[in-house]
Amino acid sequence: MADDVPPRVIDARDLQPPGPMELTLEALDTLPRDETLQLWLNREPFPLYNILKNNGFAYRVEYCEDDGRFIIHIRHAGT
């Protein structure tokens, strides 16, 4: 990822399933190879992880202790 390209952010902390999943999949359809998507949630989206892997995306999970938020950093695999 280019360092000067800010990530796209989906703050889905106030949404109930399947809202976060739907927004994430829609955003991934148009995510350029040089960009990262950040998904902010109050819980880990375990069903999303296999979908990402099976569709050519890599991810990294960050837990923020100060506010209990999970940040899922998503990018195209191999970039």
PDB file of N, CA and C in Angstrom:
ATOM      1  N   MET A   1       0.846  -1.182   0.000  1.00  0.00           N
ATOM      2  CA  MET A   1       0.000   0.000   0.000  1.00  0.00           C
ATOM      3  C   MET A   1       0.883   1.233   0.000  1.00  0.00           C
ATOM      4  N   ALA A   2       0.519   2.196  -0.759  1.00  0.00           N
ATOM      5  CA  ALA A   2       1.253   3.454  -0.773  1.00  0.00           C
ATOM      6  C   ALA A   2       1.022   4.168   0.554  1.00  0.00           C
ATOM      7  N   ASP A   3       2.117   4.711   1.113  1.00  0.00           N
ATOM      8  CA  ASP A   3       2.011   5.355   2.417  1.00  0.00           C
ATOM      9  C   ASP A   3       1.155   6.611   2.387  1.00  0.00           C
ATOM     10  N   ASP A   4       1.021   7.237   1.232  1.00  0.00           N
ATOM     11  CA  ASP A   4       0.272   8.486   1.161  1.00  0.00           C
ATOM     12  C   ASP A   4      -1.214   8.286   0.875  1.00  0.00           C
ATOM     13  N   VAL A   5      -1.653   7.039   0.731  1.00  0.00           N
ATOM     14  CA  VAL A   5      -3.066   6.763   0.475  1.00  0.00           C
ATOM     15  C   VAL A   5      -3.734   6.422   1.806  1.00  0.00           C
ATOM     16  N   PRO A   6      -4.607   7.299   2.297  1.00  0.00           N
ATOM     17  CA  PRO A   6      -5.267   7.002   3.576  1.00  0.00           C
ATOM     18  C   PRO A   6      -6.241   5.832   3.416  1.00  0.00           C
ATOM     19  N   PRO A   7      -6.451   5.073   4.478  1.00  0.00           N
ATOM     20  CA  PRO A   7      -7.387   3.948   4.377  1.00  0.00           C
ATOM     21  C   PRO A   7      -8.825   4.437   4.293  1.00  0.00           C
ATOM     22  N   ARG A   8      -9.656   3.634   3.665  1.00  0.00           N
ATOM     23  CA  ARG A   8     -11.097   3.855   3.742  1.00  0.00           C
ATOM     24  C   ARG A   8     -11.528   3.320   5.101  1.00  0.00           C
ATOM     25  N   VAL A   9     -12.465   3.975   5.736  1.00  0.00           N
ATOM     26  CA  VAL A   9     -12.918   3.551   7.062  1.00  0.00           C
ATOM     27  C   VAL A   9     -14.423   3.310   7.033  1.00  0.00           C
ATOM     28  N   ILE A  10     -14.811   2.152   7.546  1.00  0.00           N
ATOM     29  CA  ILE A  10     -16.223   1.864   7.789  1.00  0.00           C
ATOM     30  C   ILE A  10     -16.379   1.734   9.296  1.00  0.00           C
ATOM     31  N   ASP A  11     -17.052   2.687   9.905  1.00  0.00           N
ATOM     32  CA  ASP A  11     -17.316   2.638  11.340  1.00  0.00           C
ATOM     33  C   ASP A  11     -18.680   1.984  11.518  1.00  0.00           C
ATOM     34  N   ALA A  12     -18.656   0.685  11.787  1.00  0.00           N
ATOM     35  CA  ALA A  12     -19.894  -0.084  11.892  1.00  0.00           C
ATOM     36  C   ALA A  12     -20.204  -0.467  13.333  1.00  0.00           C
ATOM     37  N   ARG A  13     -19.659   0.262  14.278  1.00  0.00           N
ATOM     38  CA  ARG A  13     -19.847  -0.078  15.692  1.00  0.00           C
ATOM     39  C   ARG A  13     -21.300   0.006  16.137  1.00  0.00           C
ATOM     40  N   ASP A  14     -22.089   0.839  15.502  1.00  0.00           N
ATOM     41  CA  ASP A  14     -23.490   0.991  15.907  1.00  0.00           C
ATOM     42  C   ASP A  14     -24.458   0.192  15.040  1.00  0.00           C
ATOM     43  N   LEU A  15     -23.931  -0.611  14.123  1.00  0.00           N
ATOM     44  CA  LEU A  15     -24.786  -1.394  13.226  1.00  0.00           C
ATOM     45  C   LEU A  15     -24.932  -2.827  13.723  1.00  0.00           C
ATOM     46  N   GLN A  16     -26.080  -3.402  13.460  1.00  0.00           N
ATOM     47  CA  GLN A  16     -26.331  -4.803  13.782  1.00  0.00           C
ATOM     48  C   GLN A  16     -26.119  -5.649  12.528  1.00  0.00           C
ATOM     49  N   PRO A  17     -25.736  -6.924  12.709  1.00  0.00           N
ATOM     50  CA  PRO A  17     -25.599  -7.818  11.559  1.00  0.00           C
ATOM     51  C   PRO A  17     -26.928  -7.892  10.815  1.00  0.00           C
ATOM     52  N   PRO A  18     -26.882  -7.988   9.516  1.00  0.00           N
ATOM     53  CA  PRO A  18     -25.722  -8.156   8.632  1.00  0.00           C
ATOM     54  C   PRO A  18     -25.175  -6.845   8.074  1.00  0.00           C
ATOM     55  N   GLY A  19     -25.550  -5.717   8.659  1.00  0.00           N
ATOM     56  CA  GLY A  19     -25.130  -4.411   8.144  1.00  0.00           C
ATOM     57  C   GLY A  19     -23.635  -4.263   7.936  1.00  0.00           C
ATOM     58  N   PRO A  20     -22.807  -4.563   8.939  1.00  0.00           N
ATOM     59  CA  PRO A  20     -21.360  -4.420   8.740  1.00  0.00           C
ATOM     60  C   PRO A  20     -20.817  -5.292   7.609  1.00  0.00           C
ATOM     61  N   MET A  21     -21.311  -6.523   7.519  1.00  0.00           N
ATOM     62  CA  MET A  21     -20.855  -7.433   6.462  1.00  0.00           C
ATOM     63  C   MET A  21     -21.242  -6.883   5.093  1.00  0.00           C
ATOM     64  N   GLU A  22     -22.465  -6.425   4.950  1.00  0.00           N
ATOM     65  CA  GLU A  22     -22.927  -5.893   3.667  1.00  0.00           C
ATOM     66  C   GLU A  22     -22.114  -4.675   3.250  1.00  0.00           C
ATOM     67  N   LEU A  23     -21.893  -3.745   4.170  1.00  0.00           N
ATOM     68  CA  LEU A  23     -21.102  -2.549   3.845  1.00  0.00           C
ATOM     69  C   LEU A  23     -19.671  -2.917   3.465  1.00  0.00           C
ATOM     70  N   THR A  24     -19.099  -3.868   4.189  1.00  0.00           N
ATOM     71  CA  THR A  24     -17.721  -4.284   3.919  1.00  0.00           C
ATOM     72  C   THR A  24     -17.605  -4.920   2.544  1.00  0.00           C
ATOM     73  N   LEU A  25     -18.488  -5.844   2.221  1.00  0.00           N
ATOM     74  CA  LEU A  25     -18.416  -6.519   0.921  1.00  0.00           C
ATOM     75  C   LEU A  25     -18.640  -5.538  -0.229  1.00  0.00           C
ATOM     76  N   GLU A  26     -19.533  -4.580  -0.049  1.00  0.00           N
ATOM     77  CA  GLU A  26     -19.738  -3.552  -1.078  1.00  0.00           C
ATOM     78  C   GLU A  26     -18.474  -2.724  -1.269  1.00  0.00           C
ATOM     79  N   ALA A  27     -17.822  -2.349  -0.179  1.00  0.00           N
ATOM     80  CA  ALA A  27     -16.597  -1.540  -0.268  1.00  0.00           C
ATOM     81  C   ALA A  27     -15.465  -2.326  -0.916  1.00  0.00           C
ATOM     82  N   LEU A  28     -15.377  -3.612  -0.634  1.00  0.00           N
ATOM     83  CA  LEU A  28     -14.303  -4.426  -1.211  1.00  0.00           C
ATOM     84  C   LEU A  28     -14.456  -4.583  -2.717  1.00  0.00           C
ATOM     85  N   ASP A  29     -15.683  -4.515  -3.208  1.00  0.00           N
ATOM     86  CA  ASP A  29     -15.912  -4.606  -4.661  1.00  0.00           C
ATOM     87  C   ASP A  29     -15.213  -3.493  -5.425  1.00  0.00           C
ATOM     88  N   THR A  30     -14.992  -2.359  -4.781  1.00  0.00           N
ATOM     89  CA  THR A  30     -14.390  -1.208  -5.464  1.00  0.00           C
ATOM     90  C   THR A  30     -13.053  -0.790  -4.854  1.00  0.00           C
ATOM     91  N   LEU A  31     -12.476  -1.631  -3.998  1.00  0.00           N
ATOM     92  CA  LEU A  31     -11.225  -1.275  -3.323  1.00  0.00           C
ATOM     93  C   LEU A  31     -10.042  -1.413  -4.280  1.00  0.00           C
ATOM     94  N   PRO A  32      -9.366  -0.306  -4.593  1.00  0.00           N
ATOM     95  CA  PRO A  32      -8.176  -0.393  -5.445  1.00  0.00           C
ATOM     96  C   PRO A  32      -7.085  -1.216  -4.763  1.00  0.00           C
ATOM     97  N   ARG A  33      -6.203  -1.798  -5.569  1.00  0.00           N
ATOM     98  CA  ARG A  33      -5.150  -2.669  -5.040  1.00  0.00           C
ATOM     99  C   ARG A  33      -4.193  -1.933  -4.107  1.00  0.00           C
ATOM    100  N   ASP A  34      -4.083  -0.631  -4.232  1.00  0.00           N
ATOM    101  CA  ASP A  34      -3.130   0.109  -3.401  1.00  0.00           C
ATOM    102  C   ASP A  34      -3.775   0.735  -2.166  1.00  0.00           C
ATOM    103  N   GLU A  35      -5.009   0.372  -1.875  1.00  0.00           N
ATOM    104  CA  GLU A  35      -5.700   0.941  -0.715  1.00  0.00           C
ATOM    105  C   GLU A  35      -6.011  -0.126   0.323  1.00  0.00           C
ATOM    106  N   THR A  36      -6.212   0.343   1.538  1.00  0.00           N
ATOM    107  CA  THR A  36      -6.606  -0.516   2.655  1.00  0.00           C
ATOM    108  C   THR A  36      -7.974  -0.065   3.149  1.00  0.00           C
ATOM    109  N   LEU A  37      -8.764  -1.026   3.566  1.00  0.00           N
ATOM    110  CA  LEU A  37     -10.057  -0.747   4.177  1.00  0.00           C
ATOM    111  C   LEU A  37      -9.937  -1.041   5.668  1.00  0.00           C
ATOM    112  N   GLN A  38     -10.415  -0.128   6.489  1.00  0.00           N
ATOM    113  CA  GLN A  38     -10.485  -0.361   7.932  1.00  0.00           C
ATOM    114  C   GLN A  38     -11.946  -0.524   8.318  1.00  0.00           C
ATOM    115  N   LEU A  39     -12.231  -1.627   8.979  1.00  0.00           N
ATOM    116  CA  LEU A  39     -13.570  -1.889   9.485  1.00  0.00           C
ATOM    117  C   LEU A  39     -13.515  -1.779  11.003  1.00  0.00           C
ATOM    118  N   TRP A  40     -14.299  -0.883  11.570  1.00  0.00           N
ATOM    119  CA  TRP A  40     -14.329  -0.672  13.023  1.00  0.00           C
ATOM    120  C   TRP A  40     -15.581  -1.341  13.578  1.00  0.00           C
ATOM    121  N   LEU A  41     -15.373  -2.231  14.549  1.00  0.00           N
ATOM    122  CA  LEU A  41     -16.481  -2.972  15.148  1.00  0.00           C
ATOM    123  C   LEU A  41     -16.302  -3.095  16.653  1.00  0.00           C
ATOM    124  N   ASN A  42     -17.395  -3.418  17.339  1.00  0.00           N
ATOM    125  CA  ASN A  42     -17.343  -3.692  18.770  1.00  0.00           C
ATOM    126  C   ASN A  42     -17.125  -5.172  19.061  1.00  0.00           C
ATOM    127  N   ARG A  43     -17.071  -5.999  18.038  1.00  0.00           N
ATOM    128  CA  ARG A  43     -16.857  -7.442  18.179  1.00  0.00           C
ATOM    129  C   ARG A  43     -16.077  -7.931  16.969  1.00  0.00           C
ATOM    130  N   GLU A  44     -15.458  -9.090  17.103  1.00  0.00           N
ATOM    131  CA  GLU A  44     -14.721  -9.636  15.960  1.00  0.00           C
ATOM    132  C   GLU A  44     -15.694 -10.250  14.967  1.00  0.00           C
ATOM    133  N   PRO A  45     -15.497  -9.990  13.682  1.00  0.00           N
ATOM    134  CA  PRO A  45     -16.392 -10.517  12.646  1.00  0.00           C
ATOM    135  C   PRO A  45     -15.899 -11.870  12.118  1.00  0.00           C
ATOM    136  N   PHE A  46     -15.939 -12.900  12.953  1.00  0.00           N
ATOM    137  CA  PHE A  46     -15.376 -14.196  12.575  1.00  0.00           C
ATOM    138  C   PHE A  46     -15.884 -14.727  11.233  1.00  0.00           C
ATOM    139  N   PRO A  47     -17.178 -14.611  10.891  1.00  0.00           N
ATOM    140  CA  PRO A  47     -17.623 -15.110   9.580  1.00  0.00           C
ATOM    141  C   PRO A  47     -16.960 -14.393   8.398  1.00  0.00           C
ATOM    142  N   LEU A  48     -16.528 -13.162   8.607  1.00  0.00           N
ATOM    143  CA  LEU A  48     -15.917 -12.389   7.526  1.00  0.00           C
ATOM    144  C   LEU A  48     -14.546 -12.931   7.132  1.00  0.00           C
ATOM    145  N   TYR A  49     -13.811 -13.497   8.067  1.00  0.00           N
ATOM    146  CA  TYR A  49     -12.423 -13.877   7.807  1.00  0.00           C
ATOM    147  C   TYR A  49     -12.281 -14.900   6.678  1.00  0.00           C
ATOM    148  N   ASN A  50     -13.105 -15.938   6.656  1.00  0.00           N
ATOM    149  CA  ASN A  50     -13.031 -16.916   5.562  1.00  0.00           C
ATOM    150  C   ASN A  50     -13.459 -16.307   4.235  1.00  0.00           C
ATOM    151  N   ILE A  51     -14.436 -15.429   4.270  1.00  0.00           N
ATOM    152  CA  ILE A  51     -14.864 -14.757   3.040  1.00  0.00           C
ATOM    153  C   ILE A  51     -13.709 -13.947   2.464  1.00  0.00           C
ATOM    154  N   LEU A  52     -13.003 -13.229   3.324  1.00  0.00           N
ATOM    155  CA  LEU A  52     -11.860 -12.442   2.855  1.00  0.00           C
ATOM    156  C   LEU A  52     -10.801 -13.346   2.240  1.00  0.00           C
ATOM    157  N   LYS A  53     -10.434 -14.377   2.959  1.00  0.00           N
ATOM    158  CA  LYS A  53      -9.390 -15.292   2.489  1.00  0.00           C
ATOM    159  C   LYS A  53      -9.777 -15.940   1.158  1.00  0.00           C
ATOM    160  N   ASN A  54     -11.023 -16.371   1.034  1.00  0.00           N
ATOM    161  CA  ASN A  54     -11.487 -17.047  -0.180  1.00  0.00           C
ATOM    162  C   ASN A  54     -11.630 -16.115  -1.376  1.00  0.00           C
ATOM    163  N   ASN A  55     -11.603 -14.803  -1.128  1.00  0.00           N
ATOM    164  CA  ASN A  55     -11.763 -13.839  -2.217  1.00  0.00           C
ATOM    165  C   ASN A  55     -10.520 -13.001  -2.465  1.00  0.00           C
ATOM    166  N   GLY A  56      -9.377 -13.473  -1.970  1.00  0.00           N
ATOM    167  CA  GLY A  56      -8.109 -12.825  -2.308  1.00  0.00           C
ATOM    168  C   GLY A  56      -7.743 -11.616  -1.476  1.00  0.00           C
ATOM    169  N   PHE A  57      -8.251 -11.549  -0.251  1.00  0.00           N
ATOM    170  CA  PHE A  57      -7.917 -10.440   0.631  1.00  0.00           C
ATOM    171  C   PHE A  57      -7.137 -10.945   1.841  1.00  0.00           C
ATOM    172  N   ALA A  58      -6.281 -10.096   2.350  1.00  0.00           N
ATOM    173  CA  ALA A  58      -5.558 -10.361   3.588  1.00  0.00           C
ATOM    174  C   ALA A  58      -6.083  -9.393   4.636  1.00  0.00           C
ATOM    175  N   TYR A  59      -5.947  -9.771   5.896  1.00  0.00           N
ATOM    176  CA  TYR A  59      -6.439  -8.897   6.958  1.00  0.00           C
ATOM    177  C   TYR A  59      -5.544  -8.996   8.185  1.00  0.00           C
ATOM    178  N   ARG A  60      -5.633  -7.972   8.993  1.00  0.00           N
ATOM    179  CA  ARG A  60      -4.934  -7.917  10.278  1.00  0.00           C
ATOM    180  C   ARG A  60      -5.910  -7.316  11.282  1.00  0.00           C
ATOM    181  N   VAL A  61      -5.975  -7.918  12.457  1.00  0.00           N
ATOM    182  CA  VAL A  61      -6.907  -7.473  13.490  1.00  0.00           C
ATOM    183  C   VAL A  61      -6.148  -6.705  14.566  1.00  0.00           C
ATOM    184  N   GLU A  62      -6.669  -5.555  14.916  1.00  0.00           N
ATOM    185  CA  GLU A  62      -6.100  -4.729  15.978  1.00  0.00           C
ATOM    186  C   GLU A  62      -7.195  -4.493  17.019  1.00  0.00           C
ATOM    187  N   TYR A  63      -6.864  -4.741  18.280  1.00  0.00           N
ATOM    188  CA  TYR A  63      -7.819  -4.489  19.358  1.00  0.00           C
ATOM    189  C   TYR A  63      -7.390  -3.240  20.110  1.00  0.00           C
ATOM    190  N   CYS A  64      -8.300  -2.306  20.275  1.00  0.00           N
ATOM    191  CA  CYS A  64      -8.021  -1.056  20.985  1.00  0.00           C
ATOM    192  C   CYS A  64      -8.599  -1.165  22.393  1.00  0.00           C
ATOM    193  N   GLU A  65      -7.721  -1.323  23.359  1.00  0.00           N
ATOM    194  CA  GLU A  65      -8.169  -1.497  24.742  1.00  0.00           C
ATOM    195  C   GLU A  65      -8.873  -0.260  25.295  1.00  0.00           C
ATOM    196  N   ASP A  66      -8.500   0.912  24.811  1.00  0.00           N
ATOM    197  CA  ASP A  66      -9.083   2.136  25.371  1.00  0.00           C
ATOM    198  C   ASP A  66     -10.582   2.257  25.122  1.00  0.00           C
ATOM    199  N   ASP A  67     -11.064   1.762  23.976  1.00  0.00           N
ATOM    200  CA  ASP A  67     -12.499   1.871  23.702  1.00  0.00           C
ATOM    201  C   ASP A  67     -13.155   0.538  23.336  1.00  0.00           C
ATOM    202  N   GLY A  68     -12.403  -0.566  23.404  1.00  0.00           N
ATOM    203  CA  GLY A  68     -12.968  -1.885  23.139  1.00  0.00           C
ATOM    204  C   GLY A  68     -13.286  -2.162  21.687  1.00  0.00           C
ATOM    205  N   ARG A  69     -12.726  -1.377  20.812  1.00  0.00           N
ATOM    206  CA  ARG A  69     -13.032  -1.509  19.388  1.00  0.00           C
ATOM    207  C   ARG A  69     -12.038  -2.454  18.721  1.00  0.00           C
ATOM    208  N   PHE A  70     -12.544  -3.202  17.748  1.00  0.00           N
ATOM    209  CA  PHE A  70     -11.707  -4.008  16.871  1.00  0.00           C
ATOM    210  C   PHE A  70     -11.560  -3.249  15.564  1.00  0.00           C
ATOM    211  N   ILE A  71     -10.334  -3.143  15.083  1.00  0.00           N
ATOM    212  CA  ILE A  71     -10.087  -2.554  13.770  1.00  0.00           C
ATOM    213  C   ILE A  71      -9.561  -3.672  12.887  1.00  0.00           C
ATOM    214  N   ILE A  72     -10.293  -3.961  11.825  1.00  0.00           N
ATOM    215  CA  ILE A  72      -9.888  -4.982  10.875  1.00  0.00           C
ATOM    216  C   ILE A  72      -9.302  -4.249   9.677  1.00  0.00           C
ATOM    217  N   HIS A  73      -8.012  -4.428   9.454  1.00  0.00           N
ATOM    218  CA  HIS A  73      -7.307  -3.815   8.331  1.00  0.00           C
ATOM    219  C   HIS A  73      -7.355  -4.819   7.180  1.00  0.00           C
ATOM    220  N   ILE A  74      -7.965  -4.436   6.075  1.00  0.00           N
ATOM    221  CA  ILE A  74      -8.178  -5.348   4.948  1.00  0.00           C
ATOM    222  C   ILE A  74      -7.506  -4.780   3.708  1.00  0.00           C
ATOM    223  N   ARG A  75      -6.798  -5.656   2.988  1.00  0.00           N
ATOM    224  CA  ARG A  75      -6.146  -5.255   1.738  1.00  0.00           C
ATOM    225  C   ARG A  75      -6.161  -6.446   0.788  1.00  0.00           C
ATOM    226  N   HIS A  76      -5.848  -6.187  -0.465  1.00  0.00           N
ATOM    227  CA  HIS A  76      -5.699  -7.275  -1.421  1.00  0.00           C
ATOM    228  C   HIS A  76      -4.490  -8.101  -1.018  1.00  0.00           C
ATOM    229  N   ALA A  77      -4.601  -9.411  -1.042  1.00  0.00           N
ATOM    230  CA  ALA A  77      -3.474 -10.279  -0.702  1.00  0.00           C
ATOM    231  C   ALA A  77      -2.360 -10.062  -1.715  1.00  0.00           C
ATOM    232  N   GLY A  78      -1.135 -10.086  -1.236  1.00  0.00           N
ATOM    233  CA  GLY A  78       0.012  -9.929  -2.117  1.00  0.00           C
ATOM    234  C   GLY A  78       0.394  -8.494  -2.396  1.00  0.00           C
ATOM    235  N   THR A  79      -0.251  -7.542  -1.736  1.00  0.00           N
ATOM    236  CA  THR A  79       0.119  -6.132  -1.944  1.00  0.00           C
ATOM    237  C   THR A  79       0.730  -5.562  -0.694  1.00  0.00           C
TER     238      THR A  79
END
